[in-house]
Amino acid sequence: MEVWEYTLAWAAYVIAGVGLGGLLWLAIAKLGWTTRAWLMGSYLVIAFTPWTLAGYPDHMAPAVLVLVMDILLKGGGNTLEGGLVLVISYGVMLLSVMLMSVRRSKQKASKKPEEGHLDTE
């Protein structure tokens, strides 16, 4: 595979992924902040976490595709490296969403108007 083909394939994948992410964002716009962050984070982890290809160490592909190909071609008994990187990425995303949710709830609690005063915003 030539360099321009590899670059073109990744460009097409990223453009399609961003477009699908935009549609997902519109579909979940009415949900709560934490639910939206969790769903978008899950999508980003699944769609955009890269991992190296076994036969081509200088090339990368989405980890979910590497995992699927490993399972289909090698069976479930192999190392499933694509799955490991997905689990780690997903754990980091969940931790980030939890920390941001706690921070948002603390900020909302500190911004509550005092009882008896009208909020003009």
PDB file of N, CA and C in Angstrom:
ATOM      1  N   MET A   1       0.852  -1.169   0.000  1.00  0.00           N
ATOM      2  CA  MET A   1       0.000   0.000   0.000  1.00  0.00           C
ATOM      3  C   MET A   1       0.904   1.239   0.000  1.00  0.00           C
ATOM      4  N   GLU A   2       0.621   2.125  -0.919  1.00  0.00           N
ATOM      5  CA  GLU A   2       1.416   3.344  -0.994  1.00  0.00           C
ATOM      6  C   GLU A   2       0.977   4.336   0.078  1.00  0.00           C
ATOM      7  N   VAL A   3       1.849   5.291   0.352  1.00  0.00           N
ATOM      8  CA  VAL A   3       1.582   6.268   1.406  1.00  0.00           C
ATOM      9  C   VAL A   3       0.321   7.075   1.114  1.00  0.00           C
ATOM     10  N   TRP A   4       0.133   7.481  -0.133  1.00  0.00           N
ATOM     11  CA  TRP A   4      -1.039   8.303  -0.441  1.00  0.00           C
ATOM     12  C   TRP A   4      -2.329   7.509  -0.297  1.00  0.00           C
ATOM     13  N   GLU A   5      -2.297   6.203  -0.585  1.00  0.00           N
ATOM     14  CA  GLU A   5      -3.490   5.374  -0.412  1.00  0.00           C
ATOM     15  C   GLU A   5      -3.841   5.243   1.066  1.00  0.00           C
ATOM     16  N   TYR A   6      -2.829   5.044   1.888  1.00  0.00           N
ATOM     17  CA  TYR A   6      -3.011   4.928   3.336  1.00  0.00           C
ATOM     18  C   TYR A   6      -3.572   6.229   3.899  1.00  0.00           C
ATOM     19  N   THR A   7      -2.987   7.358   3.479  1.00  0.00           N
ATOM     20  CA  THR A   7      -3.452   8.672   3.932  1.00  0.00           C
ATOM     21  C   THR A   7      -4.876   8.939   3.461  1.00  0.00           C
ATOM     22  N   LEU A   8      -5.172   8.600   2.215  1.00  0.00           N
ATOM     23  CA  LEU A   8      -6.517   8.797   1.673  1.00  0.00           C
ATOM     24  C   LEU A   8      -7.543   7.935   2.415  1.00  0.00           C
ATOM     25  N   ALA A   9      -7.160   6.698   2.727  1.00  0.00           N
ATOM     26  CA  ALA A   9      -8.076   5.818   3.461  1.00  0.00           C
ATOM     27  C   ALA A   9      -8.385   6.387   4.837  1.00  0.00           C
ATOM     28  N   TRP A  10      -7.358   6.872   5.556  1.00  0.00           N
ATOM     29  CA  TRP A  10      -7.586   7.455   6.873  1.00  0.00           C
ATOM     30  C   TRP A  10      -8.387   8.752   6.776  1.00  0.00           C
ATOM     31  N   ALA A  11      -8.125   9.563   5.761  1.00  0.00           N
ATOM     32  CA  ALA A  11      -8.880  10.813   5.590  1.00  0.00           C
ATOM     33  C   ALA A  11     -10.357  10.514   5.360  1.00  0.00           C
ATOM     34  N   ALA A  12     -10.648   9.550   4.497  1.00  0.00           N
ATOM     35  CA  ALA A  12     -12.042   9.174   4.248  1.00  0.00           C
ATOM     36  C   ALA A  12     -12.687   8.635   5.520  1.00  0.00           C
ATOM     37  N   TYR A  13     -11.947   7.829   6.275  1.00  0.00           N
ATOM     38  CA  TYR A  13     -12.479   7.259   7.512  1.00  0.00           C
ATOM     39  C   TYR A  13     -12.780   8.350   8.532  1.00  0.00           C
ATOM     40  N   VAL A  14     -11.852   9.300   8.685  1.00  0.00           N
ATOM     41  CA  VAL A  14     -12.046  10.381   9.661  1.00  0.00           C
ATOM     42  C   VAL A  14     -13.212  11.277   9.251  1.00  0.00           C
ATOM     43  N   ILE A  15     -13.313  11.610   7.976  1.00  0.00           N
ATOM     44  CA  ILE A  15     -14.426  12.451   7.503  1.00  0.00           C
ATOM     45  C   ILE A  15     -15.758  11.752   7.740  1.00  0.00           C
ATOM     46  N   ALA A  16     -15.838  10.483   7.392  1.00  0.00           N
ATOM     47  CA  ALA A  16     -17.078   9.723   7.623  1.00  0.00           C
ATOM     48  C   ALA A  16     -17.373   9.611   9.115  1.00  0.00           C
ATOM     49  N   GLY A  17     -16.337   9.401   9.922  1.00  0.00           N
ATOM     50  CA  GLY A  17     -16.529   9.297  11.371  1.00  0.00           C
ATOM     51  C   GLY A  17     -17.012  10.594  11.989  1.00  0.00           C
ATOM     52  N   VAL A  18     -16.470  11.710  11.541  1.00  0.00           N
ATOM     53  CA  VAL A  18     -16.912  13.015  12.052  1.00  0.00           C
ATOM     54  C   VAL A  18     -18.352  13.279  11.625  1.00  0.00           C
ATOM     55  N   GLY A  19     -18.691  12.926  10.382  1.00  0.00           N
ATOM     56  CA  GLY A  19     -20.071  13.097   9.917  1.00  0.00           C
ATOM     57  C   GLY A  19     -21.052  12.259  10.718  1.00  0.00           C
ATOM     58  N   LEU A  20     -20.699  11.010  10.969  1.00  0.00           N
ATOM     59  CA  LEU A  20     -21.562  10.147  11.776  1.00  0.00           C
ATOM     60  C   LEU A  20     -21.644  10.650  13.215  1.00  0.00           C
ATOM     61  N   GLY A  21     -20.528  11.154  13.734  1.00  0.00           N
ATOM     62  CA  GLY A  21     -20.539  11.733  15.082  1.00  0.00           C
ATOM     63  C   GLY A  21     -21.467  12.940  15.163  1.00  0.00           C
ATOM     64  N   GLY A  22     -21.482  13.768  14.114  1.00  0.00           N
ATOM     65  CA  GLY A  22     -22.398  14.910  14.073  1.00  0.00           C
ATOM     66  C   GLY A  22     -23.850  14.472  14.082  1.00  0.00           C
ATOM     67  N   LEU A  23     -24.154  13.428  13.319  1.00  0.00           N
ATOM     68  CA  LEU A  23     -25.522  12.903  13.323  1.00  0.00           C
ATOM     69  C   LEU A  23     -25.893  12.333  14.690  1.00  0.00           C
ATOM     70  N   LEU A  24     -24.956  11.653  15.314  1.00  0.00           N
ATOM     71  CA  LEU A  24     -25.199  11.126  16.657  1.00  0.00           C
ATOM     72  C   LEU A  24     -25.445  12.268  17.637  1.00  0.00           C
ATOM     73  N   TRP A  25     -24.647  13.334  17.539  1.00  0.00           N
ATOM     74  CA  TRP A  25     -24.814  14.496  18.410  1.00  0.00           C
ATOM     75  C   TRP A  25     -26.216  15.097  18.256  1.00  0.00           C
ATOM     76  N   LEU A  26     -26.693  15.208  17.022  1.00  0.00           N
ATOM     77  CA  LEU A  26     -28.044  15.736  16.793  1.00  0.00           C
ATOM     78  C   LEU A  26     -29.105  14.792  17.361  1.00  0.00           C
ATOM     79  N   ALA A  27     -28.876  13.493  17.251  1.00  0.00           N
ATOM     80  CA  ALA A  27     -29.858  12.518  17.720  1.00  0.00           C
ATOM     81  C   ALA A  27     -29.975  12.497  19.244  1.00  0.00           C
ATOM     82  N   ILE A  28     -28.896  12.813  19.948  1.00  0.00           N
ATOM     83  CA  ILE A  28     -28.915  12.728  21.411  1.00  0.00           C
ATOM     84  C   ILE A  28     -28.927  14.109  22.069  1.00  0.00           C
ATOM     85  N   ALA A  29     -29.216  15.146  21.306  1.00  0.00           N
ATOM     86  CA  ALA A  29     -29.135  16.524  21.809  1.00  0.00           C
ATOM     87  C   ALA A  29     -30.062  16.782  22.999  1.00  0.00           C
ATOM     88  N   LYS A  30     -31.174  16.088  23.096  1.00  0.00           N
ATOM     89  CA  LYS A  30     -32.137  16.364  24.165  1.00  0.00           C
ATOM     90  C   LYS A  30     -31.873  15.572  25.442  1.00  0.00           C
ATOM     91  N   LEU A  31     -30.863  14.736  25.434  1.00  0.00           N
ATOM     92  CA  LEU A  31     -30.543  13.964  26.633  1.00  0.00           C
ATOM     93  C   LEU A  31     -29.763  14.820  27.619  1.00  0.00           C
ATOM     94  N   GLY A  32     -29.620  14.333  28.833  1.00  0.00           N
ATOM     95  CA  GLY A  32     -28.858  15.035  29.859  1.00  0.00           C
ATOM     96  C   GLY A  32     -27.374  15.073  29.525  1.00  0.00           C
ATOM     97  N   TRP A  33     -26.641  15.998  30.168  1.00  0.00           N
ATOM     98  CA  TRP A  33     -25.236  16.201  29.848  1.00  0.00           C
ATOM     99  C   TRP A  33     -24.421  14.932  30.052  1.00  0.00           C
ATOM    100  N   THR A  34     -24.590  14.253  31.164  1.00  0.00           N
ATOM    101  CA  THR A  34     -23.790  13.068  31.468  1.00  0.00           C
ATOM    102  C   THR A  34     -24.066  11.951  30.467  1.00  0.00           C
ATOM    103  N   THR A  35     -25.311  11.738  30.133  1.00  0.00           N
ATOM    104  CA  THR A  35     -25.662  10.701  29.166  1.00  0.00           C
ATOM    105  C   THR A  35     -25.083  11.031  27.795  1.00  0.00           C
ATOM    106  N   ARG A  36     -25.205  12.291  27.394  1.00  0.00           N
ATOM    107  CA  ARG A  36     -24.631  12.721  26.109  1.00  0.00           C
ATOM    108  C   ARG A  36     -23.118  12.539  26.088  1.00  0.00           C
ATOM    109  N   ALA A  37     -22.455  12.930  27.157  1.00  0.00           N
ATOM    110  CA  ALA A  37     -20.991  12.794  27.228  1.00  0.00           C
ATOM    111  C   ALA A  37     -20.586  11.328  27.180  1.00  0.00           C
ATOM    112  N   TRP A  38     -21.313  10.463  27.868  1.00  0.00           N
ATOM    113  CA  TRP A  38     -20.998   9.036  27.862  1.00  0.00           C
ATOM    114  C   TRP A  38     -21.202   8.440  26.463  1.00  0.00           C
ATOM    115  N   LEU A  39     -22.313   8.771  25.808  1.00  0.00           N
ATOM    116  CA  LEU A  39     -22.577   8.232  24.478  1.00  0.00           C
ATOM    117  C   LEU A  39     -21.572   8.740  23.452  1.00  0.00           C
ATOM    118  N   MET A  40     -21.283  10.046  23.470  1.00  0.00           N
ATOM    119  CA  MET A  40     -20.316  10.599  22.519  1.00  0.00           C
ATOM    120  C   MET A  40     -18.918  10.067  22.807  1.00  0.00           C
ATOM    121  N   GLY A  41     -18.572   9.948  24.076  1.00  0.00           N
ATOM    122  CA  GLY A  41     -17.266   9.381  24.435  1.00  0.00           C
ATOM    123  C   GLY A  41     -17.131   7.944  23.976  1.00  0.00           C
ATOM    124  N   SER A  42     -18.190   7.173  24.146  1.00  0.00           N
ATOM    125  CA  SER A  42     -18.173   5.777  23.685  1.00  0.00           C
ATOM    126  C   SER A  42     -17.987   5.722  22.177  1.00  0.00           C
ATOM    127  N   TYR A  43     -18.703   6.585  21.467  1.00  0.00           N
ATOM    128  CA  TYR A  43     -18.557   6.626  20.013  1.00  0.00           C
ATOM    129  C   TYR A  43     -17.131   6.995  19.616  1.00  0.00           C
ATOM    130  N   LEU A  44     -16.572   8.002  20.253  1.00  0.00           N
ATOM    131  CA  LEU A  44     -15.218   8.432  19.912  1.00  0.00           C
ATOM    132  C   LEU A  44     -14.187   7.339  20.185  1.00  0.00           C
ATOM    133  N   VAL A  45     -14.338   6.639  21.300  1.00  0.00           N
ATOM    134  CA  VAL A  45     -13.410   5.551  21.615  1.00  0.00           C
ATOM    135  C   VAL A  45     -13.526   4.438  20.583  1.00  0.00           C
ATOM    136  N   ILE A  46     -14.738   4.021  20.277  1.00  0.00           N
ATOM    137  CA  ILE A  46     -14.932   2.922  19.338  1.00  0.00           C
ATOM    138  C   ILE A  46     -14.502   3.313  17.926  1.00  0.00           C
ATOM    139  N   ALA A  47     -14.824   4.529  17.508  1.00  0.00           N
ATOM    140  CA  ALA A  47     -14.554   4.924  16.133  1.00  0.00           C
ATOM    141  C   ALA A  47     -13.110   5.354  15.886  1.00  0.00           C
ATOM    142  N   PHE A  48     -12.471   5.990  16.852  1.00  0.00           N
ATOM    143  CA  PHE A  48     -11.209   6.648  16.549  1.00  0.00           C
ATOM    144  C   PHE A  48      -9.981   6.163  17.323  1.00  0.00           C
ATOM    145  N   THR A  49     -10.081   5.118  18.125  1.00  0.00           N
ATOM    146  CA  THR A  49      -8.892   4.596  18.797  1.00  0.00           C
ATOM    147  C   THR A  49      -8.084   3.788  17.792  1.00  0.00           C
ATOM    148  N   PRO A  50      -6.852   4.209  17.491  1.00  0.00           N
ATOM    149  CA  PRO A  50      -6.059   3.473  16.503  1.00  0.00           C
ATOM    150  C   PRO A  50      -5.230   2.361  17.148  1.00  0.00           C
ATOM    151  N   TRP A  51      -4.853   1.386  16.335  1.00  0.00           N
ATOM    152  CA  TRP A  51      -3.953   0.326  16.781  1.00  0.00           C
ATOM    153  C   TRP A  51      -3.188  -0.191  15.580  1.00  0.00           C
ATOM    154  N   THR A  52      -2.010  -0.750  15.821  1.00  0.00           N
ATOM    155  CA  THR A  52      -1.166  -1.213  14.721  1.00  0.00           C
ATOM    156  C   THR A  52      -1.709  -2.501  14.119  1.00  0.00           C
ATOM    157  N   LEU A  53      -1.486  -2.641  12.830  1.00  0.00           N
ATOM    158  CA  LEU A  53      -1.880  -3.859  12.132  1.00  0.00           C
ATOM    159  C   LEU A  53      -0.794  -4.918  12.321  1.00  0.00           C
ATOM    160  N   ALA A  54      -1.196  -6.149  12.518  1.00  0.00           N
ATOM    161  CA  ALA A  54      -0.244  -7.222  12.817  1.00  0.00           C
ATOM    162  C   ALA A  54       0.753  -7.442  11.678  1.00  0.00           C
ATOM    163  N   GLY A  55       0.299  -7.467  10.451  1.00  0.00           N
ATOM    164  CA  GLY A  55       1.184  -7.734   9.334  1.00  0.00           C
ATOM    165  C   GLY A  55       1.932  -6.508   8.831  1.00  0.00           C
ATOM    166  N   TYR A  56       1.494  -5.337   9.256  1.00  0.00           N
ATOM    167  CA  TYR A  56       2.082  -4.079   8.789  1.00  0.00           C
ATOM    168  C   TYR A  56       2.383  -3.190   9.997  1.00  0.00           C
ATOM    169  N   PRO A  57       3.539  -3.344  10.614  1.00  0.00           N
ATOM    170  CA  PRO A  57       3.819  -2.607  11.855  1.00  0.00           C
ATOM    171  C   PRO A  57       3.864  -1.090  11.693  1.00  0.00           C
ATOM    172  N   ASP A  58       4.076  -0.596  10.471  1.00  0.00           N
ATOM    173  CA  ASP A  58       4.108   0.850  10.254  1.00  0.00           C
ATOM    174  C   ASP A  58       2.732   1.430   9.959  1.00  0.00           C
ATOM    175  N   HIS A  59       1.704   0.606   9.889  1.00  0.00           N
ATOM    176  CA  HIS A  59       0.350   1.059   9.562  1.00  0.00           C
ATOM    177  C   HIS A  59      -0.568   0.867  10.757  1.00  0.00           C
ATOM    178  N   MET A  60      -1.545   1.751  10.850  1.00  0.00           N
ATOM    179  CA  MET A  60      -2.527   1.666  11.926  1.00  0.00           C
ATOM    180  C   MET A  60      -3.926   1.604  11.326  1.00  0.00           C
ATOM    181  N   ALA A  61      -4.831   1.070  12.104  1.00  0.00           N
ATOM    182  CA  ALA A  61      -6.242   0.989  11.734  1.00  0.00           C
ATOM    183  C   ALA A  61      -7.058   1.201  13.003  1.00  0.00           C
ATOM    184  N   PRO A  62      -8.349   1.490  12.866  1.00  0.00           N
ATOM    185  CA  PRO A  62      -9.184   1.603  14.067  1.00  0.00           C
ATOM    186  C   PRO A  62      -9.116   0.310  14.882  1.00  0.00           C
ATOM    187  N   ALA A  63      -8.942   0.456  16.186  1.00  0.00           N
ATOM    188  CA  ALA A  63      -8.751  -0.709  17.063  1.00  0.00           C
ATOM    189  C   ALA A  63      -9.931  -1.665  17.012  1.00  0.00           C
ATOM    190  N   VAL A  64     -11.127  -1.147  16.843  1.00  0.00           N
ATOM    191  CA  VAL A  64     -12.298  -2.024  16.792  1.00  0.00           C
ATOM    192  C   VAL A  64     -12.218  -2.920  15.561  1.00  0.00           C
ATOM    193  N   LEU A  65     -11.705  -2.405  14.444  1.00  0.00           N
ATOM    194  CA  LEU A  65     -11.552  -3.234  13.247  1.00  0.00           C
ATOM    195  C   LEU A  65     -10.438  -4.258  13.436  1.00  0.00           C
ATOM    196  N   VAL A  66      -9.353  -3.861  14.087  1.00  0.00           N
ATOM    197  CA  VAL A  66      -8.272  -4.798  14.379  1.00  0.00           C
ATOM    198  C   VAL A  66      -8.791  -5.914  15.270  1.00  0.00           C
ATOM    199  N   LEU A  67      -9.589  -5.571  16.267  1.00  0.00           N
ATOM    200  CA  LEU A  67     -10.166  -6.575  17.167  1.00  0.00           C
ATOM    201  C   LEU A  67     -11.072  -7.537  16.408  1.00  0.00           C
ATOM    202  N   VAL A  68     -11.945  -7.004  15.567  1.00  0.00           N
ATOM    203  CA  VAL A  68     -12.862  -7.851  14.794  1.00  0.00           C
ATOM    204  C   VAL A  68     -12.081  -8.780  13.865  1.00  0.00           C
ATOM    205  N   MET A  69     -11.074  -8.234  13.192  1.00  0.00           N
ATOM    206  CA  MET A  69     -10.268  -9.069  12.297  1.00  0.00           C
ATOM    207  C   MET A  69      -9.506 -10.142  13.078  1.00  0.00           C
ATOM    208  N   ASP A  70      -8.990  -9.784  14.260  1.00  0.00           N
ATOM    209  CA  ASP A  70      -8.314 -10.786  15.093  1.00  0.00           C
ATOM    210  C   ASP A  70      -9.263 -11.922  15.467  1.00  0.00           C
ATOM    211  N   ILE A  71     -10.463 -11.563  15.853  1.00  0.00           N
ATOM    212  CA  ILE A  71     -11.441 -12.581  16.255  1.00  0.00           C
ATOM    213  C   ILE A  71     -11.846 -13.444  15.073  1.00  0.00           C
ATOM    214  N   LEU A  72     -12.089 -12.810  13.920  1.00  0.00           N
ATOM    215  CA  LEU A  72     -12.523 -13.566  12.751  1.00  0.00           C
ATOM    216  C   LEU A  72     -11.416 -14.452  12.177  1.00  0.00           C
ATOM    217  N   LEU A  73     -10.210 -13.921  12.115  1.00  0.00           N
ATOM    218  CA  LEU A  73      -9.135 -14.654  11.452  1.00  0.00           C
ATOM    219  C   LEU A  73      -8.358 -15.580  12.385  1.00  0.00           C
ATOM    220  N   LYS A  74      -8.190 -15.172  13.642  1.00  0.00           N
ATOM    221  CA  LYS A  74      -7.358 -15.953  14.558  1.00  0.00           C
ATOM    222  C   LYS A  74      -8.154 -16.670  15.635  1.00  0.00           C
ATOM    223  N   GLY A  75      -9.392 -16.296  15.810  1.00  0.00           N
ATOM    224  CA  GLY A  75     -10.203 -16.891  16.855  1.00  0.00           C
ATOM    225  C   GLY A  75     -10.038 -16.156  18.173  1.00  0.00           C
ATOM    226  N   GLY A  76     -10.841 -16.504  19.151  1.00  0.00           N
ATOM    227  CA  GLY A  76     -10.839 -15.811  20.434  1.00  0.00           C
ATOM    228  C   GLY A  76      -9.662 -16.148  21.326  1.00  0.00           C
ATOM    229  N   GLY A  77      -8.824 -17.116  20.959  1.00  0.00           N
ATOM    230  CA  GLY A  77      -7.725 -17.538  21.808  1.00  0.00           C
ATOM    231  C   GLY A  77      -6.459 -16.703  21.674  1.00  0.00           C
ATOM    232  N   ASN A  78      -6.443 -15.715  20.798  1.00  0.00           N
ATOM    233  CA  ASN A  78      -5.220 -14.912  20.632  1.00  0.00           C
ATOM    234  C   ASN A  78      -5.176 -13.764  21.637  1.00  0.00           C
ATOM    235  N   THR A  79      -4.209 -12.891  21.488  1.00  0.00           N
ATOM    236  CA  THR A  79      -3.991 -11.843  22.490  1.00  0.00           C
ATOM    237  C   THR A  79      -5.030 -10.729  22.448  1.00  0.00           C
ATOM    238  N   LEU A  80      -5.699 -10.532  21.342  1.00  0.00           N
ATOM    239  CA  LEU A  80      -6.721  -9.498  21.196  1.00  0.00           C
ATOM    240  C   LEU A  80      -6.194  -8.122  21.630  1.00  0.00           C
ATOM    241  N   GLU A  81      -5.063  -7.737  21.080  1.00  0.00           N
ATOM    242  CA  GLU A  81      -4.436  -6.472  21.451  1.00  0.00           C
ATOM    243  C   GLU A  81      -5.333  -5.277  21.168  1.00  0.00           C
ATOM    244  N   GLY A  82      -6.083  -5.321  20.058  1.00  0.00           N
ATOM    245  CA  GLY A  82      -7.015  -4.239  19.752  1.00  0.00           C
ATOM    246  C   GLY A  82      -8.054  -4.074  20.849  1.00  0.00           C
ATOM    247  N   GLY A  83      -8.488  -5.189  21.423  1.00  0.00           N
ATOM    248  CA  GLY A  83      -9.465  -5.138  22.513  1.00  0.00           C
ATOM    249  C   GLY A  83      -8.886  -4.550  23.777  1.00  0.00           C
ATOM    250  N   LEU A  84      -7.634  -4.857  24.050  1.00  0.00           N
ATOM    251  CA  LEU A  84      -6.987  -4.325  25.246  1.00  0.00           C
ATOM    252  C   LEU A  84      -6.874  -2.806  25.177  1.00  0.00           C
ATOM    253  N   VAL A  85      -6.448  -2.293  24.035  1.00  0.00           N
ATOM    254  CA  VAL A  85      -6.330  -0.847  23.899  1.00  0.00           C
ATOM    255  C   VAL A  85      -7.709  -0.185  23.956  1.00  0.00           C
ATOM    256  N   LEU A  86      -8.740  -0.854  23.448  1.00  0.00           N
ATOM    257  CA  LEU A  86     -10.097  -0.316  23.550  1.00  0.00           C
ATOM    258  C   LEU A  86     -10.574  -0.260  24.998  1.00  0.00           C
ATOM    259  N   VAL A  87     -10.295  -1.303  25.762  1.00  0.00           N
ATOM    260  CA  VAL A  87     -10.692  -1.334  27.173  1.00  0.00           C
ATOM    261  C   VAL A  87      -9.999  -0.207  27.943  1.00  0.00           C
ATOM    262  N   ILE A  88      -8.709  -0.024  27.699  1.00  0.00           N
ATOM    263  CA  ILE A  88      -7.978   1.045  28.380  1.00  0.00           C
ATOM    264  C   ILE A  88      -8.525   2.412  27.981  1.00  0.00           C
ATOM    265  N   SER A  89      -8.745   2.619  26.680  1.00  0.00           N
ATOM    266  CA  SER A  89      -9.287   3.900  26.209  1.00  0.00           C
ATOM    267  C   SER A  89     -10.672   4.158  26.787  1.00  0.00           C
ATOM    268  N   TYR A  90     -11.497   3.124  26.824  1.00  0.00           N
ATOM    269  CA  TYR A  90     -12.847   3.271  27.357  1.00  0.00           C
ATOM    270  C   TYR A  90     -12.808   3.586  28.851  1.00  0.00           C
ATOM    271  N   GLY A  91     -11.921   2.955  29.581  1.00  0.00           N
ATOM    272  CA  GLY A  91     -11.777   3.249  31.007  1.00  0.00           C
ATOM    273  C   GLY A  91     -11.353   4.683  31.257  1.00  0.00           C
ATOM    274  N   VAL A  92     -10.414   5.173  30.454  1.00  0.00           N
ATOM    275  CA  VAL A  92      -9.981   6.573  30.584  1.00  0.00           C
ATOM    276  C   VAL A  92     -11.139   7.513  30.260  1.00  0.00           C
ATOM    277  N   MET A  93     -11.913   7.188  29.225  1.00  0.00           N
ATOM    278  CA  MET A  93     -13.064   8.015  28.868  1.00  0.00           C
ATOM    279  C   MET A  93     -14.097   8.022  29.992  1.00  0.00           C
ATOM    280  N   LEU A  94     -14.397   6.868  30.571  1.00  0.00           N
ATOM    281  CA  LEU A  94     -15.371   6.809  31.667  1.00  0.00           C
ATOM    282  C   LEU A  94     -14.903   7.607  32.876  1.00  0.00           C
ATOM    283  N   LEU A  95     -13.631   7.483  33.217  1.00  0.00           N
ATOM    284  CA  LEU A  95     -13.079   8.256  34.324  1.00  0.00           C
ATOM    285  C   LEU A  95     -13.189   9.756  34.046  1.00  0.00           C
ATOM    286  N   SER A  96     -12.906  10.166  32.820  1.00  0.00           N
ATOM    287  CA  SER A  96     -13.007  11.578  32.449  1.00  0.00           C
ATOM    288  C   SER A  96     -14.441  12.082  32.567  1.00  0.00           C
ATOM    289  N   VAL A  97     -15.392  11.304  32.064  1.00  0.00           N
ATOM    290  CA  VAL A  97     -16.798  11.706  32.138  1.00  0.00           C
ATOM    291  C   VAL A  97     -17.255  11.792  33.591  1.00  0.00           C
ATOM    292  N   MET A  98     -16.836  10.836  34.416  1.00  0.00           N
ATOM    293  CA  MET A  98     -17.226  10.871  35.828  1.00  0.00           C
ATOM    294  C   MET A  98     -16.651  12.109  36.519  1.00  0.00           C
ATOM    295  N   LEU A  99     -15.381  12.394  36.271  1.00  0.00           N
ATOM    296  CA  LEU A  99     -14.763  13.574  36.893  1.00  0.00           C
ATOM    297  C   LEU A  99     -15.420  14.865  36.422  1.00  0.00           C
ATOM    298  N   MET A 100     -15.720  14.959  35.131  1.00  0.00           N
ATOM    299  CA  MET A 100     -16.389  16.162  34.621  1.00  0.00           C
ATOM    300  C   MET A 100     -17.798  16.293  35.186  1.00  0.00           C
ATOM    301  N   SER A 101     -18.493  15.177  35.361  1.00  0.00           N
ATOM    302  CA  SER A 101     -19.843  15.218  35.936  1.00  0.00           C
ATOM    303  C   SER A 101     -19.811  15.694  37.382  1.00  0.00           C
ATOM    304  N   VAL A 102     -18.853  15.197  38.154  1.00  0.00           N
ATOM    305  CA  VAL A 102     -18.723  15.635  39.547  1.00  0.00           C
ATOM    306  C   VAL A 102     -18.389  17.118  39.592  1.00  0.00           C
ATOM    307  N   ARG A 103     -17.484  17.536  38.735  1.00  0.00           N
ATOM    308  CA  ARG A 103     -17.107  18.953  38.693  1.00  0.00           C
ATOM    309  C   ARG A 103     -18.293  19.831  38.308  1.00  0.00           C
ATOM    310  N   ARG A 104     -19.069  19.396  37.318  1.00  0.00           N
ATOM    311  CA  ARG A 104     -20.253  20.178  36.903  1.00  0.00           C
ATOM    312  C   ARG A 104     -21.282  20.257  38.030  1.00  0.00           C
ATOM    313  N   SER A 105     -21.488  19.144  38.739  1.00  0.00           N
ATOM    314  CA  SER A 105     -22.476  19.167  39.815  1.00  0.00           C
ATOM    315  C   SER A 105     -22.023  20.073  40.958  1.00  0.00           C
ATOM    316  N   LYS A 106     -20.724  20.101  41.248  1.00  0.00           N
ATOM    317  CA  LYS A 106     -20.209  21.002  42.277  1.00  0.00           C
ATOM    318  C   LYS A 106     -20.341  22.454  41.845  1.00  0.00           C
ATOM    319  N   GLN A 107     -20.098  22.737  40.570  1.00  0.00           N
ATOM    320  CA  GLN A 107     -20.232  24.108  40.075  1.00  0.00           C
ATOM    321  C   GLN A 107     -21.686  24.556  40.121  1.00  0.00           C
ATOM    322  N   LYS A 108     -22.606  23.668  39.767  1.00  0.00           N
ATOM    323  CA  LYS A 108     -24.024  24.011  39.826  1.00  0.00           C
ATOM    324  C   LYS A 108     -24.454  24.267  41.265  1.00  0.00           C
ATOM    325  N   ALA A 109     -23.947  23.459  42.192  1.00  0.00           N
ATOM    326  CA  ALA A 109     -24.306  23.632  43.599  1.00  0.00           C
ATOM    327  C   ALA A 109     -23.767  24.957  44.138  1.00  0.00           C
ATOM    328  N   SER A 110     -22.587  25.352  43.717  1.00  0.00           N
ATOM    329  CA  SER A 110     -22.021  26.613  44.211  1.00  0.00           C
ATOM    330  C   SER A 110     -22.660  27.833  43.555  1.00  0.00           C
ATOM    331  N   LYS A 111     -23.276  27.656  42.394  1.00  0.00           N
ATOM    332  CA  LYS A 111     -23.912  28.780  41.696  1.00  0.00           C
ATOM    333  C   LYS A 111     -25.386  28.929  42.050  1.00  0.00           C
ATOM    334  N   LYS A 112     -25.926  28.060  42.890  1.00  0.00           N
ATOM    335  CA  LYS A 112     -27.331  28.170  43.278  1.00  0.00           C
ATOM    336  C   LYS A 112     -27.557  29.516  43.948  1.00  0.00           C
ATOM    337  N   PRO A 113     -28.612  30.221  43.551  1.00  0.00           N
ATOM    338  CA  PRO A 113     -28.886  31.505  44.203  1.00  0.00           C
ATOM    339  C   PRO A 113     -29.328  31.292  45.648  1.00  0.00           C
ATOM    340  N   GLU A 114     -29.005  32.255  46.481  1.00  0.00           N
ATOM    341  CA  GLU A 114     -29.423  32.154  47.877  1.00  0.00           C
ATOM    342  C   GLU A 114     -30.931  32.179  47.951  1.00  0.00           C
ATOM    343  N   GLU A 115     -31.442  31.507  48.951  1.00  0.00           N
ATOM    344  CA  GLU A 115     -32.883  31.424  49.106  1.00  0.00           C
ATOM    345  C   GLU A 115     -33.457  32.816  49.363  1.00  0.00           C
ATOM    346  N   GLY A 116     -34.546  33.146  48.662  1.00  0.00           N
ATOM    347  CA  GLY A 116     -35.178  34.436  48.845  1.00  0.00           C
ATOM    348  C   GLY A 116     -34.750  35.468  47.803  1.00  0.00           C
ATOM    349  N   HIS A 117     -33.720  35.218  47.032  1.00  0.00           N
ATOM    350  CA  HIS A 117     -33.290  36.121  45.985  1.00  0.00           C
ATOM    351  C   HIS A 117     -33.733  35.574  44.625  1.00  0.00           C
ATOM    352  N   LEU A 118     -34.099  36.466  43.735  1.00  0.00           N
ATOM    353  CA  LEU A 118     -34.533  36.057  42.400  1.00  0.00           C
ATOM    354  C   LEU A 118     -33.321  35.929  41.505  1.00  0.00           C
ATOM    355  N   ASP A 119     -33.331  34.951  40.654  1.00  0.00           N
ATOM    356  CA  ASP A 119     -32.255  34.778  39.680  1.00  0.00           C
ATOM    357  C   ASP A 119     -32.653  35.533  38.418  1.00  0.00           C
ATOM    358  N   THR A 120     -31.840  36.467  37.992  1.00  0.00           N
ATOM    359  CA  THR A 120     -32.191  37.298  36.834  1.00  0.00           C
ATOM    360  C   THR A 120     -31.706  36.727  35.526  1.00  0.00           C
ATOM    361  N   GLU A 121     -30.993  35.628  35.539  1.00  0.00           N
ATOM    362  CA  GLU A 121     -30.483  35.064  34.281  1.00  0.00           C
ATOM    363  C   GLU A 121     -31.475  34.178  33.641  1.00  0.00           C
TER     364      GLU A 121
END
